[in-house]
């Protein structure tokens, strides 16, 4: 028996053993990669009409790709989970936002109209008008509403996580929000989830 073992040990070199381990490790890592389900966490902090789109678009797209997605809604972002969505937009102090009319001839609809902040701040109802024009533009372009995108995320099993501290801060009630919220937690509970995700975004 010893003679056979010695013969086998002599016929297998250290290089061959190392190569076997390398091949086996590469195979196992490849199998793990195939079985791995990507995870993404998003922290939504803003509740305006324009900033409501990024978290829901990113979440729904990732979920459609088979990713596990969790969105943590905190501060003004928590308003995106209310039963009644009354989102507005303000061009004031937002120079990157183009002002275009969704009405009139083609040349007018393509024209960007820079409006001074002083005029926007002093004109009563300007933000409501800008919100209406933005919604009209999105409707004309076939862009889904925030409510539709939120429903799409829920259908795709995106986890909606609400910041309990924000609820307490603004004296809101849990009954003000949609029942599909999966958890009411603080940052301490959400950060470990973000730590284990493949992609973590702050919006």
Protein backbone atom coordinates (compact mmCIF):
# COMPACT_ATOMS: atom_id res chain seq x y z
CA UNK A 1 0.00 0.00 0.00
CA UNK A 2 2.80 2.41 0.87
CA UNK A 3 4.48 1.63 -2.41
CA UNK A 4 1.30 2.46 -4.33
CA UNK A 5 0.82 5.73 -2.44
CA UNK A 6 4.42 6.70 -3.08
CA UNK A 7 4.04 5.92 -6.75
CA UNK A 8 0.87 8.05 -6.99
CA UNK A 9 2.47 10.95 -5.11
CA UNK A 10 5.44 10.86 -7.45
CA UNK A 11 3.20 10.84 -10.54
CA UNK A 12 1.24 13.96 -9.40
CA UNK A 13 3.35 17.09 -9.27
CA UNK A 14 2.74 20.19 -7.18
CA UNK A 15 2.10 22.12 -10.37
CA UNK A 16 -0.66 19.70 -11.35
CA UNK A 17 -2.28 19.98 -7.94
CA UNK A 18 -2.12 23.80 -8.14
CA UNK A 19 -3.61 23.71 -11.61
CA UNK A 20 -6.44 21.46 -10.41
CA UNK A 21 -7.25 23.84 -7.57
CA UNK A 22 -7.12 26.84 -9.94
CA UNK A 23 -9.46 25.15 -12.41
CA UNK A 24 -11.81 24.05 -9.65
CA UNK A 25 -11.88 27.52 -8.12
CA UNK A 26 -12.59 29.14 -11.48
CA UNK A 27 -15.41 26.66 -12.09
CA UNK A 28 -16.99 27.33 -8.70
CA UNK A 29 -16.73 31.11 -9.15
CA UNK A 30 -18.35 30.84 -12.57
CA UNK A 31 -21.20 28.79 -11.10
CA UNK A 32 -21.60 31.32 -8.30
CA UNK A 33 -21.74 34.18 -10.80
CA UNK A 34 -24.45 32.44 -12.80
CA UNK A 35 -26.53 31.84 -9.67
CA UNK A 36 -25.94 35.32 -8.22
CA UNK A 37 -28.93 37.65 -8.20
CA UNK A 38 -27.82 41.31 -8.35
CA UNK A 39 -29.10 43.56 -5.59
CA UNK A 40 -29.68 47.29 -5.72
CA UNK A 41 -30.65 49.81 -3.07
CA UNK A 42 -31.85 53.34 -3.76
CA UNK A 43 -32.22 56.14 -1.24
CA UNK A 44 -34.92 58.56 -2.41
CA UNK A 45 -34.69 61.95 -0.71
CA UNK A 46 -36.66 64.32 -2.96
CA UNK A 47 -40.38 64.67 -3.53
CA UNK A 48 -40.71 66.98 -6.53
CA UNK A 49 -42.26 65.81 -9.79
CA UNK A 50 -38.99 65.78 -11.72
CA UNK A 51 -36.97 64.06 -8.98
CA UNK A 52 -39.65 61.42 -8.42
CA UNK A 53 -38.87 59.79 -11.75
CA UNK A 54 -35.25 58.62 -11.23
CA UNK A 55 -35.84 56.25 -8.27
CA UNK A 56 -38.93 54.63 -9.80
CA UNK A 57 -37.40 54.33 -13.28
CA UNK A 58 -34.18 52.82 -11.93
CA UNK A 59 -36.05 50.49 -9.58
CA UNK A 60 -38.53 49.24 -12.19
CA UNK A 61 -35.79 48.73 -14.77
CA UNK A 62 -33.57 46.77 -12.37
CA UNK A 63 -36.52 44.66 -11.25
CA UNK A 64 -37.37 43.90 -14.89
CA UNK A 65 -33.82 42.60 -15.28
CA UNK A 66 -34.36 40.22 -12.39
CA UNK A 67 -32.56 42.24 -9.71
CA UNK A 68 -33.64 42.44 -6.09
CA UNK A 69 -34.44 46.10 -5.40
CA UNK A 70 -35.10 48.01 -2.19
CA UNK A 71 -35.89 51.74 -2.11
CA UNK A 72 -35.53 53.71 1.13
CA UNK A 73 -37.76 56.80 1.11
CA UNK A 74 -36.62 59.46 3.54
CA UNK A 75 -37.34 63.15 4.21
CA UNK A 76 -39.22 64.72 1.28
CA UNK A 77 -38.80 61.53 -0.72
CA UNK A 78 -41.24 59.83 1.64
CA UNK A 79 -44.07 61.85 0.10
CA UNK A 80 -43.71 59.62 -2.98
CA UNK A 81 -45.34 56.83 -0.98
CA UNK A 82 -48.43 58.78 0.02
CA UNK A 83 -51.81 57.53 -1.14
CA UNK A 84 -52.55 60.86 -2.76
CA UNK A 85 -49.75 62.04 -5.02
CA UNK A 86 -49.80 65.81 -5.48
CA UNK A 87 -46.33 66.41 -6.89
CA UNK A 88 -45.20 69.77 -8.21
CA UNK A 89 -42.15 71.18 -9.93
CA UNK A 90 -40.39 74.52 -9.68
CA UNK A 91 -38.01 75.97 -12.29
CA UNK A 92 -36.99 78.59 -9.73
CA UNK A 93 -33.32 78.13 -8.88
CA UNK A 94 -33.03 75.26 -11.36
CA UNK A 95 -31.11 76.64 -14.36
CA UNK A 96 -30.71 73.18 -15.89
CA UNK A 97 -34.44 72.86 -16.38
CA UNK A 98 -35.51 73.91 -19.90
CA UNK A 99 -38.72 75.87 -20.19
CA UNK A 100 -40.59 74.76 -23.30
CA UNK A 101 -44.23 75.04 -24.20
CA UNK A 102 -46.05 71.78 -25.06
CA UNK A 103 -48.50 73.83 -27.12
CA UNK A 104 -48.38 75.79 -30.34
CA UNK A 105 -46.42 75.30 -33.58
CA UNK A 106 -43.41 72.98 -33.76
CA UNK A 107 -40.86 75.81 -33.80
CA UNK A 108 -42.32 77.22 -30.58
CA UNK A 109 -42.39 73.83 -28.82
CA UNK A 110 -38.68 73.38 -29.60
CA UNK A 111 -37.71 76.82 -28.32
CA UNK A 112 -36.18 77.06 -24.86
CA UNK A 113 -37.31 80.17 -23.05
CA UNK A 114 -34.99 81.32 -20.26
CA UNK A 115 -37.11 83.08 -17.65
CA UNK A 116 -35.44 85.27 -14.98
CA UNK A 117 -35.74 84.03 -11.40
CA UNK A 118 -37.18 87.39 -10.38
CA UNK A 119 -40.09 86.92 -12.78
CA UNK A 120 -40.70 83.32 -11.68
CA UNK A 121 -40.63 84.27 -8.00
CA UNK A 122 -42.93 87.27 -8.43
CA UNK A 123 -45.56 85.76 -10.73
CA UNK A 124 -48.46 84.24 -8.77
CA UNK A 125 -49.22 80.67 -9.77
CA UNK A 126 -46.03 80.24 -11.81
CA UNK A 127 -45.08 76.93 -10.17
CA UNK A 128 -48.57 75.52 -10.71
CA UNK A 129 -48.38 76.57 -14.36
CA UNK A 130 -44.92 75.01 -14.76
CA UNK A 131 -46.17 71.79 -13.17
CA UNK A 132 -49.13 71.66 -15.53
CA UNK A 133 -46.93 72.26 -18.57
CA UNK A 134 -44.50 69.55 -17.47
CA UNK A 135 -47.31 67.03 -16.98
CA UNK A 136 -48.71 67.97 -20.39
CA UNK A 137 -45.29 67.46 -22.01
CA UNK A 138 -44.85 64.05 -20.36
CA UNK A 139 -48.33 62.98 -21.40
CA UNK A 140 -47.72 64.04 -25.00
CA UNK A 141 -44.44 62.09 -25.05
CA UNK A 142 -46.08 58.97 -23.62
CA UNK A 143 -44.15 59.08 -20.33
CA UNK A 144 -45.80 57.13 -17.53
CA UNK A 145 -47.09 59.01 -14.52
CA UNK A 146 -45.45 58.62 -11.12
CA UNK A 147 -48.44 56.64 -9.91
CA UNK A 148 -48.11 54.24 -12.85
CA UNK A 149 -44.38 53.81 -12.28
CA UNK A 150 -44.94 53.19 -8.58
CA UNK A 151 -47.53 50.52 -9.37
CA UNK A 152 -45.11 48.95 -11.85
CA UNK A 153 -42.45 48.75 -9.15
CA UNK A 154 -44.87 47.14 -6.72
CA UNK A 155 -45.91 44.58 -9.33
CA UNK A 156 -42.22 43.75 -9.83
CA UNK A 157 -41.76 43.14 -6.07
CA UNK A 158 -39.62 46.21 -5.44
CA UNK A 159 -39.44 46.68 -1.67
CA UNK A 160 -40.68 50.08 -0.57
CA UNK A 161 -39.04 51.00 2.74
CA UNK A 162 -40.26 54.05 4.67
CA UNK A 163 -38.14 56.10 7.05
CA UNK A 164 -39.90 56.06 10.42
CA UNK A 165 -37.85 59.01 11.64
CA UNK A 166 -39.26 61.15 8.82
CA UNK A 167 -42.79 60.11 9.71
CA UNK A 168 -42.20 61.18 13.29
CA UNK A 169 -40.44 64.38 12.22
CA UNK A 170 -43.29 65.65 10.06
CA UNK A 171 -46.07 64.28 12.28
CA UNK A 172 -47.40 62.10 9.51
CA UNK A 173 -49.50 58.98 10.08
CA UNK A 174 -48.82 55.57 8.58
CA UNK A 175 -52.41 55.61 7.35
CA UNK A 176 -51.43 58.48 5.00
CA UNK A 177 -49.30 56.08 2.96
CA UNK A 178 -49.89 53.15 0.62
CA UNK A 179 -50.34 49.80 2.41
CA UNK A 180 -47.69 48.09 0.25
CA UNK A 181 -44.82 49.59 2.26
CA UNK A 182 -42.75 46.62 3.37
CA UNK A 183 -41.00 48.17 6.38
CA UNK A 184 -41.00 51.25 8.59
CA UNK A 185 -37.41 51.53 9.77
CA UNK A 186 -34.56 53.92 10.40
CA UNK A 187 -31.17 54.31 8.76
CA UNK A 188 -29.62 51.82 11.20
CA UNK A 189 -31.81 49.05 9.84
CA UNK A 190 -31.46 50.00 6.18
CA UNK A 191 -27.69 50.51 5.98
CA UNK A 192 -26.86 46.78 6.38
CA UNK A 193 -29.12 46.10 3.40
CA UNK A 194 -27.30 48.75 1.36
CA UNK A 195 -23.93 47.37 2.47
CA UNK A 196 -24.71 43.97 0.96
CA UNK A 197 -26.08 45.32 -2.31
CA UNK A 198 -24.15 45.34 -5.58
CA UNK A 199 -25.34 48.84 -6.45
CA UNK A 200 -26.36 51.58 -4.01
CA UNK A 201 -27.63 54.95 -5.23
CA UNK A 202 -28.63 58.22 -3.55
CA UNK A 203 -31.25 60.22 -5.44
